[in-house]
Amino acid sequence: MTSLVLSNNLLSGNIYLGNLPITMERLSLDSNSFSGTIDMTRLPGSMRTLDLGRNNFVGSTDFGKLPKSLRFLYVNDTRLVGEIQQNQNNGIFAEDTAVTVLPYEG
């Protein structure tokens, strides 16, 4: 599986992202009722797009351990806090890599 879209449902509860298929490139869970903290440090290395917007996630997360393949990260309308480190010394992103956090456009 490379893409999973579960948007605009009534899904709720906590979610663990550590057991996703290693081939997963896109995961869209926006506009649900997921809650709790979320660990984004164990995403598949092939992940390109992650949309978690419009949920009830709270707390802090380590955005510095996102996979190198990630290009789009949507976390709007949540209460997650953290920062994305982007420098050549942290070994997370290549020099020419840019992760874009975009507003949700529904």
PDB file of N, CA and C in Angstrom:
ATOM      1  N   MET A   1       0.843  -1.166   0.000  1.00  0.00           N
ATOM      2  CA  MET A   1       0.000   0.000   0.000  1.00  0.00           C
ATOM      3  C   MET A   1       0.895   1.237   0.000  1.00  0.00           C
ATOM      4  N   THR A   2       0.567   2.201  -0.863  1.00  0.00           N
ATOM      5  CA  THR A   2       1.349   3.436  -0.916  1.00  0.00           C
ATOM      6  C   THR A   2       0.560   4.654  -0.476  1.00  0.00           C
ATOM      7  N   SER A   3      -0.773   4.546  -0.451  1.00  0.00           N
ATOM      8  CA  SER A   3      -1.590   5.704  -0.097  1.00  0.00           C
ATOM      9  C   SER A   3      -2.795   5.264   0.725  1.00  0.00           C
ATOM     10  N   LEU A   4      -3.083   6.023   1.789  1.00  0.00           N
ATOM     11  CA  LEU A   4      -4.250   5.758   2.626  1.00  0.00           C
ATOM     12  C   LEU A   4      -4.900   7.087   2.959  1.00  0.00           C
ATOM     13  N   VAL A   5      -6.158   7.234   2.562  1.00  0.00           N
ATOM     14  CA  VAL A   5      -6.905   8.467   2.814  1.00  0.00           C
ATOM     15  C   VAL A   5      -8.125   8.113   3.655  1.00  0.00           C
ATOM     16  N   LEU A   6      -8.162   8.627   4.883  1.00  0.00           N
ATOM     17  CA  LEU A   6      -9.281   8.414   5.802  1.00  0.00           C
ATOM     18  C   LEU A   6      -9.787   9.768   6.284  1.00  0.00           C
ATOM     19  N   SER A   7     -10.000  10.665   5.370  1.00  0.00           N
ATOM     20  CA  SER A   7     -10.391  12.036   5.699  1.00  0.00           C
ATOM     21  C   SER A   7     -11.893  12.164   5.882  1.00  0.00           C
ATOM     22  N   ASN A   8     -12.277  13.164   6.683  1.00  0.00           N
ATOM     23  CA  ASN A   8     -13.683  13.543   6.857  1.00  0.00           C
ATOM     24  C   ASN A   8     -14.556  12.384   7.317  1.00  0.00           C
ATOM     25  N   ASN A   9     -14.135  11.723   8.360  1.00  0.00           N
ATOM     26  CA  ASN A   9     -14.905  10.638   8.953  1.00  0.00           C
ATOM     27  C   ASN A   9     -15.152  10.963  10.416  1.00  0.00           C
ATOM     28  N   LEU A  10     -15.625  10.006  11.157  1.00  0.00           N
ATOM     29  CA  LEU A  10     -15.833  10.177  12.590  1.00  0.00           C
ATOM     30  C   LEU A  10     -14.845   9.334  13.376  1.00  0.00           C
ATOM     31  N   LEU A  11     -13.680   9.063  12.794  1.00  0.00           N
ATOM     32  CA  LEU A  11     -12.666   8.263  13.468  1.00  0.00           C
ATOM     33  C   LEU A  11     -12.141   9.013  14.675  1.00  0.00           C
ATOM     34  N   SER A  12     -11.909   8.302  15.770  1.00  0.00           N
ATOM     35  CA  SER A  12     -11.459   8.964  16.996  1.00  0.00           C
ATOM     36  C   SER A  12     -10.456   8.085  17.722  1.00  0.00           C
ATOM     37  N   GLY A  13      -9.879   8.644  18.777  1.00  0.00           N
ATOM     38  CA  GLY A  13      -8.929   7.915  19.602  1.00  0.00           C
ATOM     39  C   GLY A  13      -7.499   8.279  19.278  1.00  0.00           C
ATOM     40  N   ASN A  14      -6.579   7.516  19.836  1.00  0.00           N
ATOM     41  CA  ASN A  14      -5.156   7.724  19.586  1.00  0.00           C
ATOM     42  C   ASN A  14      -4.746   6.975  18.335  1.00  0.00           C
ATOM     43  N   ILE A  15      -3.638   7.389  17.754  1.00  0.00           N
ATOM     44  CA  ILE A  15      -3.138   6.711  16.563  1.00  0.00           C
ATOM     45  C   ILE A  15      -1.638   6.488  16.705  1.00  0.00           C
ATOM     46  N   TYR A  16      -1.198   5.318  16.310  1.00  0.00           N
ATOM     47  CA  TYR A  16       0.226   4.979  16.356  1.00  0.00           C
ATOM     48  C   TYR A  16       0.721   4.833  14.924  1.00  0.00           C
ATOM     49  N   LEU A  17       1.685   5.636  14.537  1.00  0.00           N
ATOM     50  CA  LEU A  17       2.165   5.645  13.160  1.00  0.00           C
ATOM     51  C   LEU A  17       3.340   4.702  12.931  1.00  0.00           C
ATOM     52  N   GLY A  18       3.768   3.980  13.954  1.00  0.00           N
ATOM     53  CA  GLY A  18       4.946   3.131  13.841  1.00  0.00           C
ATOM     54  C   GLY A  18       4.746   1.841  13.083  1.00  0.00           C
ATOM     55  N   ASN A  19       3.507   1.448  12.812  1.00  0.00           N
ATOM     56  CA  ASN A  19       3.260   0.180  12.132  1.00  0.00           C
ATOM     57  C   ASN A  19       2.763   0.341  10.705  1.00  0.00           C
ATOM     58  N   LEU A  20       2.986   1.488  10.112  1.00  0.00           N
ATOM     59  CA  LEU A  20       2.568   1.693   8.726  1.00  0.00           C
ATOM     60  C   LEU A  20       3.443   0.865   7.790  1.00  0.00           C
ATOM     61  N   PRO A  21       2.897   0.453   6.638  1.00  0.00           N
ATOM     62  CA  PRO A  21       3.723  -0.290   5.673  1.00  0.00           C
ATOM     63  C   PRO A  21       4.937   0.538   5.245  1.00  0.00           C
ATOM     64  N   ILE A  22       6.063  -0.105   5.022  1.00  0.00           N
ATOM     65  CA  ILE A  22       7.275   0.633   4.660  1.00  0.00           C
ATOM     66  C   ILE A  22       7.159   1.302   3.292  1.00  0.00           C
ATOM     67  N   THR A  23       6.167   0.901   2.500  1.00  0.00           N
ATOM     68  CA  THR A  23       5.963   1.496   1.175  1.00  0.00           C
ATOM     69  C   THR A  23       5.034   2.707   1.202  1.00  0.00           C
ATOM     70  N   MET A  24       4.480   3.055   2.354  1.00  0.00           N
ATOM     71  CA  MET A  24       3.503   4.145   2.468  1.00  0.00           C
ATOM     72  C   MET A  24       4.132   5.479   2.069  1.00  0.00           C
ATOM     73  N   GLU A  25       3.520   6.156   1.085  1.00  0.00           N
ATOM     74  CA  GLU A  25       3.991   7.455   0.618  1.00  0.00           C
ATOM     75  C   GLU A  25       3.077   8.592   1.045  1.00  0.00           C
ATOM     76  N   ARG A  26       1.797   8.300   1.204  1.00  0.00           N
ATOM     77  CA  ARG A  26       0.830   9.353   1.542  1.00  0.00           C
ATOM     78  C   ARG A  26      -0.148   8.830   2.581  1.00  0.00           C
ATOM     79  N   LEU A  27      -0.309   9.609   3.651  1.00  0.00           N
ATOM     80  CA  LEU A  27      -1.284   9.285   4.686  1.00  0.00           C
ATOM     81  C   LEU A  27      -2.081  10.537   4.981  1.00  0.00           C
ATOM     82  N   SER A  28      -3.379  10.463   4.784  1.00  0.00           N
ATOM     83  CA  SER A  28      -4.254  11.603   5.026  1.00  0.00           C
ATOM     84  C   SER A  28      -5.315  11.206   6.041  1.00  0.00           C
ATOM     85  N   LEU A  29      -5.222  11.809   7.230  1.00  0.00           N
ATOM     86  CA  LEU A  29      -6.159  11.532   8.319  1.00  0.00           C
ATOM     87  C   LEU A  29      -6.867  12.804   8.758  1.00  0.00           C
ATOM     88  N   ASP A  30      -6.917  13.793   7.891  1.00  0.00           N
ATOM     89  CA  ASP A  30      -7.469  15.087   8.278  1.00  0.00           C
ATOM     90  C   ASP A  30      -8.969  15.031   8.532  1.00  0.00           C
ATOM     91  N   SER A  31      -9.429  15.982   9.321  1.00  0.00           N
ATOM     92  CA  SER A  31     -10.854  16.191   9.599  1.00  0.00           C
ATOM     93  C   SER A  31     -11.515  14.974  10.244  1.00  0.00           C
ATOM     94  N   ASN A  32     -10.899  14.459  11.282  1.00  0.00           N
ATOM     95  CA  ASN A  32     -11.456  13.393  12.096  1.00  0.00           C
ATOM     96  C   ASN A  32     -11.438  13.854  13.544  1.00  0.00           C
ATOM     97  N   SER A  33     -11.493  12.936  14.476  1.00  0.00           N
ATOM     98  CA  SER A  33     -11.457  13.289  15.899  1.00  0.00           C
ATOM     99  C   SER A  33     -10.342  12.557  16.625  1.00  0.00           C
ATOM    100  N   PHE A  34      -9.224  12.304  15.933  1.00  0.00           N
ATOM    101  CA  PHE A  34      -8.088  11.669  16.589  1.00  0.00           C
ATOM    102  C   PHE A  34      -7.567  12.596  17.671  1.00  0.00           C
ATOM    103  N   SER A  35      -7.069  12.024  18.762  1.00  0.00           N
ATOM    104  CA  SER A  35      -6.631  12.851  19.886  1.00  0.00           C
ATOM    105  C   SER A  35      -5.359  12.287  20.493  1.00  0.00           C
ATOM    106  N   GLY A  36      -4.895  12.960  21.518  1.00  0.00           N
ATOM    107  CA  GLY A  36      -3.696  12.515  22.215  1.00  0.00           C
ATOM    108  C   GLY A  36      -2.437  13.038  21.553  1.00  0.00           C
ATOM    109  N   THR A  37      -1.315  12.519  22.001  1.00  0.00           N
ATOM    110  CA  THR A  37      -0.041  12.901  21.398  1.00  0.00           C
ATOM    111  C   THR A  37       0.234  11.973  20.226  1.00  0.00           C
ATOM    112  N   ILE A  38       1.129  12.382  19.369  1.00  0.00           N
ATOM    113  CA  ILE A  38       1.433  11.573  18.193  1.00  0.00           C
ATOM    114  C   ILE A  38       2.944  11.515  17.994  1.00  0.00           C
ATOM    115  N   ASP A  39       3.445  10.323  17.776  1.00  0.00           N
ATOM    116  CA  ASP A  39       4.877  10.113  17.582  1.00  0.00           C
ATOM    117  C   ASP A  39       5.158  10.025  16.090  1.00  0.00           C
ATOM    118  N   MET A  40       5.798  11.061  15.552  1.00  0.00           N
ATOM    119  CA  MET A  40       6.109  11.075  14.128  1.00  0.00           C
ATOM    120  C   MET A  40       7.544  10.647  13.857  1.00  0.00           C
ATOM    121  N   THR A  41       8.210  10.064  14.837  1.00  0.00           N
ATOM    122  CA  THR A  41       9.608   9.681  14.659  1.00  0.00           C
ATOM    123  C   THR A  41       9.761   8.307  14.018  1.00  0.00           C
ATOM    124  N   ARG A  42       8.671   7.592  13.830  1.00  0.00           N
ATOM    125  CA  ARG A  42       8.753   6.237  13.276  1.00  0.00           C
ATOM    126  C   ARG A  42       7.986   6.103  11.970  1.00  0.00           C
ATOM    127  N   LEU A  43       7.931   7.160  11.200  1.00  0.00           N
ATOM    128  CA  LEU A  43       7.255   7.107   9.911  1.00  0.00           C
ATOM    129  C   LEU A  43       8.081   6.295   8.915  1.00  0.00           C
ATOM    130  N   PRO A  44       7.412   5.657   7.944  1.00  0.00           N
ATOM    131  CA  PRO A  44       8.159   4.922   6.921  1.00  0.00           C
ATOM    132  C   PRO A  44       9.102   5.856   6.160  1.00  0.00           C
ATOM    133  N   GLY A  45      10.229   5.342   5.757  1.00  0.00           N
ATOM    134  CA  GLY A  45      11.209   6.139   5.027  1.00  0.00           C
ATOM    135  C   GLY A  45      10.741   6.612   3.670  1.00  0.00           C
ATOM    136  N   SER A  46       9.649   6.054   3.159  1.00  0.00           N
ATOM    137  CA  SER A  46       9.123   6.452   1.854  1.00  0.00           C
ATOM    138  C   SER A  46       8.032   7.522   1.948  1.00  0.00           C
ATOM    139  N   MET A  47       7.653   7.930   3.157  1.00  0.00           N
ATOM    140  CA  MET A  47       6.549   8.876   3.351  1.00  0.00           C
ATOM    141  C   MET A  47       6.858  10.225   2.708  1.00  0.00           C
ATOM    142  N   ARG A  48       5.944  10.688   1.825  1.00  0.00           N
ATOM    143  CA  ARG A  48       6.109  11.978   1.156  1.00  0.00           C
ATOM    144  C   ARG A  48       5.102  13.016   1.651  1.00  0.00           C
ATOM    145  N   THR A  49       3.889  12.584   1.976  1.00  0.00           N
ATOM    146  CA  THR A  49       2.835  13.506   2.395  1.00  0.00           C
ATOM    147  C   THR A  49       2.147  12.963   3.641  1.00  0.00           C
ATOM    148  N   LEU A  50       2.043  13.814   4.656  1.00  0.00           N
ATOM    149  CA  LEU A  50       1.363  13.443   5.897  1.00  0.00           C
ATOM    150  C   LEU A  50       0.399  14.559   6.254  1.00  0.00           C
ATOM    151  N   ASP A  51      -0.893  14.251   6.274  1.00  0.00           N
ATOM    152  CA  ASP A  51      -1.923  15.244   6.574  1.00  0.00           C
ATOM    153  C   ASP A  51      -2.652  14.827   7.844  1.00  0.00           C
ATOM    154  N   LEU A  52      -2.400  15.580   8.919  1.00  0.00           N
ATOM    155  CA  LEU A  52      -3.015  15.308  10.218  1.00  0.00           C
ATOM    156  C   LEU A  52      -3.904  16.453  10.666  1.00  0.00           C
ATOM    157  N   GLY A  53      -4.162  17.400   9.803  1.00  0.00           N
ATOM    158  CA  GLY A  53      -4.897  18.608  10.164  1.00  0.00           C
ATOM    159  C   GLY A  53      -6.322  18.347  10.616  1.00  0.00           C
ATOM    160  N   ARG A  54      -6.843  19.319  11.342  1.00  0.00           N
ATOM    161  CA  ARG A  54      -8.223  19.298  11.835  1.00  0.00           C
ATOM    162  C   ARG A  54      -8.539  18.056  12.654  1.00  0.00           C
ATOM    163  N   ASN A  55      -7.671  17.759  13.601  1.00  0.00           N
ATOM    164  CA  ASN A  55      -7.886  16.704  14.573  1.00  0.00           C
ATOM    165  C   ASN A  55      -7.672  17.306  15.945  1.00  0.00           C
ATOM    166  N   ASN A  56      -7.630  16.479  16.969  1.00  0.00           N
ATOM    167  CA  ASN A  56      -7.475  16.975  18.336  1.00  0.00           C
ATOM    168  C   ASN A  56      -6.145  16.567  18.950  1.00  0.00           C
ATOM    169  N   PHE A  57      -5.109  16.428  18.129  1.00  0.00           N
ATOM    170  CA  PHE A  57      -3.796  16.078  18.656  1.00  0.00           C
ATOM    171  C   PHE A  57      -3.296  17.200  19.547  1.00  0.00           C
ATOM    172  N   VAL A  58      -2.631  16.835  20.631  1.00  0.00           N
ATOM    173  CA  VAL A  58      -2.096  17.823  21.571  1.00  0.00           C
ATOM    174  C   VAL A  58      -0.661  17.451  21.911  1.00  0.00           C
ATOM    175  N   GLY A  59       0.022  18.362  22.559  1.00  0.00           N
ATOM    176  CA  GLY A  59       1.362  18.070  23.061  1.00  0.00           C
ATOM    177  C   GLY A  59       2.448  18.450  22.086  1.00  0.00           C
ATOM    178  N   SER A  60       3.636  17.948  22.367  1.00  0.00           N
ATOM    179  CA  SER A  60       4.777  18.273  21.523  1.00  0.00           C
ATOM    180  C   SER A  60       5.213  17.028  20.771  1.00  0.00           C
ATOM    181  N   THR A  61       5.888  17.237  19.681  1.00  0.00           N
ATOM    182  CA  THR A  61       6.412  16.134  18.897  1.00  0.00           C
ATOM    183  C   THR A  61       7.787  16.509  18.385  1.00  0.00           C
ATOM    184  N   ASP A  62       8.584  15.528  18.066  1.00  0.00           N
ATOM    185  CA  ASP A  62       9.935  15.771  17.575  1.00  0.00           C
ATOM    186  C   ASP A  62       9.904  15.811  16.056  1.00  0.00           C
ATOM    187  N   PHE A  63       9.718  17.006  15.521  1.00  0.00           N
ATOM    188  CA  PHE A  63       9.695  17.157  14.074  1.00  0.00           C
ATOM    189  C   PHE A  63      11.088  16.974  13.472  1.00  0.00           C
ATOM    190  N   GLY A  64      12.112  16.962  14.286  1.00  0.00           N
ATOM    191  CA  GLY A  64      13.474  16.817  13.792  1.00  0.00           C
ATOM    192  C   GLY A  64      13.819  15.429  13.308  1.00  0.00           C
ATOM    193  N   LYS A  65      12.941  14.459  13.549  1.00  0.00           N
ATOM    194  CA  LYS A  65      13.220  13.086  13.129  1.00  0.00           C
ATOM    195  C   LYS A  65      12.284  12.622  12.022  1.00  0.00           C
ATOM    196  N   LEU A  66      11.776  13.550  11.254  1.00  0.00           N
ATOM    197  CA  LEU A  66      10.929  13.190  10.127  1.00  0.00           C
ATOM    198  C   LEU A  66      11.776  12.522   9.047  1.00  0.00           C
ATOM    199  N   PRO A  67      11.174  11.624   8.249  1.00  0.00           N
ATOM    200  CA  PRO A  67      11.960  10.951   7.212  1.00  0.00           C
ATOM    201  C   PRO A  67      12.433  11.931   6.134  1.00  0.00           C
ATOM    202  N   LYS A  68      13.552  11.623   5.524  1.00  0.00           N
ATOM    203  CA  LYS A  68      14.124  12.483   4.484  1.00  0.00           C
ATOM    204  C   LYS A  68      13.190  12.639   3.292  1.00  0.00           C
ATOM    205  N   SER A  69      12.340  11.664   3.050  1.00  0.00           N
ATOM    206  CA  SER A  69      11.449  11.694   1.892  1.00  0.00           C
ATOM    207  C   SER A  69      10.261  12.642   2.064  1.00  0.00           C
ATOM    208  N   LEU A  70       9.952  13.063   3.303  1.00  0.00           N
ATOM    209  CA  LEU A  70       8.750  13.863   3.563  1.00  0.00           C
ATOM    210  C   LEU A  70       8.852  15.235   2.907  1.00  0.00           C
ATOM    211  N   ARG A  71       7.825  15.586   2.109  1.00  0.00           N
ATOM    212  CA  ARG A  71       7.797  16.870   1.417  1.00  0.00           C
ATOM    213  C   ARG A  71       6.657  17.766   1.894  1.00  0.00           C
ATOM    214  N   PHE A  72       5.538  17.191   2.298  1.00  0.00           N
ATOM    215  CA  PHE A  72       4.380  17.973   2.721  1.00  0.00           C
ATOM    216  C   PHE A  72       3.880  17.459   4.063  1.00  0.00           C
ATOM    217  N   LEU A  73       3.757  18.361   5.019  1.00  0.00           N
ATOM    218  CA  LEU A  73       3.282  18.032   6.354  1.00  0.00           C
ATOM    219  C   LEU A  73       2.186  19.020   6.717  1.00  0.00           C
ATOM    220  N   TYR A  74       0.984  18.520   6.941  1.00  0.00           N
ATOM    221  CA  TYR A  74      -0.150  19.353   7.306  1.00  0.00           C
ATOM    222  C   TYR A  74      -0.508  19.054   8.762  1.00  0.00           C
ATOM    223  N   VAL A  75      -0.392  20.025   9.636  1.00  0.00           N
ATOM    224  CA  VAL A  75      -0.768  19.857  11.040  1.00  0.00           C
ATOM    225  C   VAL A  75      -1.622  21.029  11.510  1.00  0.00           C
ATOM    226  N   ASN A  76      -2.278  21.689  10.592  1.00  0.00           N
ATOM    227  CA  ASN A  76      -3.103  22.842  10.933  1.00  0.00           C
ATOM    228  C   ASN A  76      -4.299  22.436  11.793  1.00  0.00           C
ATOM    229  N   ASP A  77      -4.779  23.377  12.563  1.00  0.00           N
ATOM    230  CA  ASP A  77      -5.935  23.172  13.439  1.00  0.00           C
ATOM    231  C   ASP A  77      -5.731  22.014  14.415  1.00  0.00           C
ATOM    232  N   THR A  78      -4.508  21.853  14.886  1.00  0.00           N
ATOM    233  CA  THR A  78      -4.193  20.928  15.970  1.00  0.00           C
ATOM    234  C   THR A  78      -3.488  21.748  17.039  1.00  0.00           C
ATOM    235  N   ARG A  79      -3.137  21.125  18.135  1.00  0.00           N
ATOM    236  CA  ARG A  79      -2.409  21.831  19.190  1.00  0.00           C
ATOM    237  C   ARG A  79      -1.027  21.227  19.396  1.00  0.00           C
ATOM    238  N   LEU A  80      -0.456  20.701  18.322  1.00  0.00           N
ATOM    239  CA  LEU A  80       0.907  20.185  18.384  1.00  0.00           C
ATOM    240  C   LEU A  80       1.886  21.342  18.385  1.00  0.00           C
ATOM    241  N   VAL A  81       2.975  21.188  19.095  1.00  0.00           N
ATOM    242  CA  VAL A  81       4.037  22.188  19.074  1.00  0.00           C
ATOM    243  C   VAL A  81       5.359  21.484  18.801  1.00  0.00           C
ATOM    244  N   GLY A  82       6.283  22.230  18.262  1.00  0.00           N
ATOM    245  CA  GLY A  82       7.594  21.689  17.938  1.00  0.00           C
ATOM    246  C   GLY A  82       8.199  22.515  16.836  1.00  0.00           C
ATOM    247  N   GLU A  83       9.356  22.130  16.392  1.00  0.00           N
ATOM    248  CA  GLU A  83       9.975  22.851  15.296  1.00  0.00           C
ATOM    249  C   GLU A  83      10.672  21.873  14.385  1.00  0.00           C
ATOM    250  N   ILE A  84      10.819  22.279  13.147  1.00  0.00           N
ATOM    251  CA  ILE A  84      11.487  21.451  12.159  1.00  0.00           C
ATOM    252  C   ILE A  84      12.912  21.957  12.028  1.00  0.00           C
ATOM    253  N   GLN A  85      13.858  21.133  12.395  1.00  0.00           N
ATOM    254  CA  GLN A  85      15.265  21.490  12.253  1.00  0.00           C
ATOM    255  C   GLN A  85      15.688  21.180  10.825  1.00  0.00           C
ATOM    256  N   GLN A  86      16.341  22.111  10.209  1.00  0.00           N
ATOM    257  CA  GLN A  86      16.779  21.882   8.840  1.00  0.00           C
ATOM    258  C   GLN A  86      18.186  22.441   8.669  1.00  0.00           C
ATOM    259  N   ASN A  87      19.164  21.616   8.942  1.00  0.00           N
ATOM    260  CA  ASN A  87      20.537  22.006   8.664  1.00  0.00           C
ATOM    261  C   ASN A  87      21.340  20.772   8.318  1.00  0.00           C
ATOM    262  N   GLN A  88      22.459  20.978   7.703  1.00  0.00           N
ATOM    263  CA  GLN A  88      23.236  19.845   7.205  1.00  0.00           C
ATOM    264  C   GLN A  88      23.895  19.041   8.310  1.00  0.00           C
ATOM    265  N   ASN A  89      23.929  19.548   9.520  1.00  0.00           N
ATOM    266  CA  ASN A  89      24.601  18.844  10.605  1.00  0.00           C
ATOM    267  C   ASN A  89      23.722  17.840  11.333  1.00  0.00           C
ATOM    268  N   ASN A  90      22.396  17.939  11.178  1.00  0.00           N
ATOM    269  CA  ASN A  90      21.551  17.040  11.963  1.00  0.00           C
ATOM    270  C   ASN A  90      21.312  15.696  11.286  1.00  0.00           C
ATOM    271  N   GLY A  91      21.700  15.556  10.030  1.00  0.00           N
ATOM    272  CA  GLY A  91      21.574  14.281   9.352  1.00  0.00           C
ATOM    273  C   GLY A  91      20.151  13.912   8.993  1.00  0.00           C
ATOM    274  N   ILE A  92      19.195  14.806   9.202  1.00  0.00           N
ATOM    275  CA  ILE A  92      17.805  14.501   8.904  1.00  0.00           C
ATOM    276  C   ILE A  92      17.459  14.900   7.476  1.00  0.00           C
ATOM    277  N   PHE A  93      17.788  16.115   7.099  1.00  0.00           N
ATOM    278  CA  PHE A  93      17.462  16.603   5.771  1.00  0.00           C
ATOM    279  C   PHE A  93      18.730  16.860   4.973  1.00  0.00           C
ATOM    280  N   ALA A  94      18.678  16.571   3.690  1.00  0.00           N
ATOM    281  CA  ALA A  94      19.776  16.951   2.806  1.00  0.00           C
ATOM    282  C   ALA A  94      19.776  18.470   2.668  1.00  0.00           C
ATOM    283  N   GLU A  95      20.886  19.026   2.226  1.00  0.00           N
ATOM    284  CA  GLU A  95      20.990  20.483   2.128  1.00  0.00           C
ATOM    285  C   GLU A  95      19.895  21.089   1.258  1.00  0.00           C
ATOM    286  N   ASP A  96      19.537  20.394   0.177  1.00  0.00           N
ATOM    287  CA  ASP A  96      18.572  20.958  -0.761  1.00  0.00           C
ATOM    288  C   ASP A  96      17.135  20.526  -0.478  1.00  0.00           C
ATOM    289  N   THR A  97      16.895  19.916   0.661  1.00  0.00           N
ATOM    290  CA  THR A  97      15.561  19.444   1.007  1.00  0.00           C
ATOM    291  C   THR A  97      14.778  20.535   1.720  1.00  0.00           C
ATOM    292  N   ALA A  98      13.521  20.676   1.345  1.00  0.00           N
ATOM    293  CA  ALA A  98      12.649  21.635   2.019  1.00  0.00           C
ATOM    294  C   ALA A  98      11.358  20.928   2.404  1.00  0.00           C
ATOM    295  N   VAL A  99      11.010  20.972   3.661  1.00  0.00           N
ATOM    296  CA  VAL A  99       9.725  20.451   4.114  1.00  0.00           C
ATOM    297  C   VAL A  99       8.793  21.631   4.231  1.00  0.00           C
ATOM    298  N   THR A 100       7.642  21.522   3.622  1.00  0.00           N
ATOM    299  CA  THR A 100       6.697  22.618   3.604  1.00  0.00           C
ATOM    300  C   THR A 100       5.509  22.282   4.488  1.00  0.00           C
ATOM    301  N   VAL A 101       5.200  23.143   5.431  1.00  0.00           N
ATOM    302  CA  VAL A 101       4.006  22.988   6.256  1.00  0.00           C
ATOM    303  C   VAL A 101       2.973  23.938   5.681  1.00  0.00           C
ATOM    304  N   LEU A 102       1.933  23.382   5.060  1.00  0.00           N
ATOM    305  CA  LEU A 102       0.960  24.177   4.321  1.00  0.00           C
ATOM    306  C   LEU A 102      -0.367  24.281   5.053  1.00  0.00           C
ATOM    307  N   PRO A 103      -1.091  25.387   4.871  1.00  0.00           N
ATOM    308  CA  PRO A 103      -2.423  25.500   5.463  1.00  0.00           C
ATOM    309  C   PRO A 103      -3.401  24.568   4.762  1.00  0.00           C
ATOM    310  N   TYR A 104      -4.342  24.081   5.508  1.00  0.00           N
ATOM    311  CA  TYR A 104      -5.359  23.189   4.960  1.00  0.00           C
ATOM    312  C   TYR A 104      -6.305  23.975   4.067  1.00  0.00           C
ATOM    313  N   GLU A 105      -6.615  23.435   2.896  1.00  0.00           N
ATOM    314  CA  GLU A 105      -7.506  24.133   1.971  1.00  0.00           C
ATOM    315  C   GLU A 105      -8.748  23.318   1.663  1.00  0.00           C
ATOM    316  N   GLY A 106      -9.088  22.410   2.566  1.00  0.00           N
ATOM    317  CA  GLY A 106     -10.296  21.642   2.571  1.00  0.00           C
ATOM    318  C   GLY A 106     -10.719  20.989   1.352  1.00  0.00           C
TER     319      GLY A 106
END
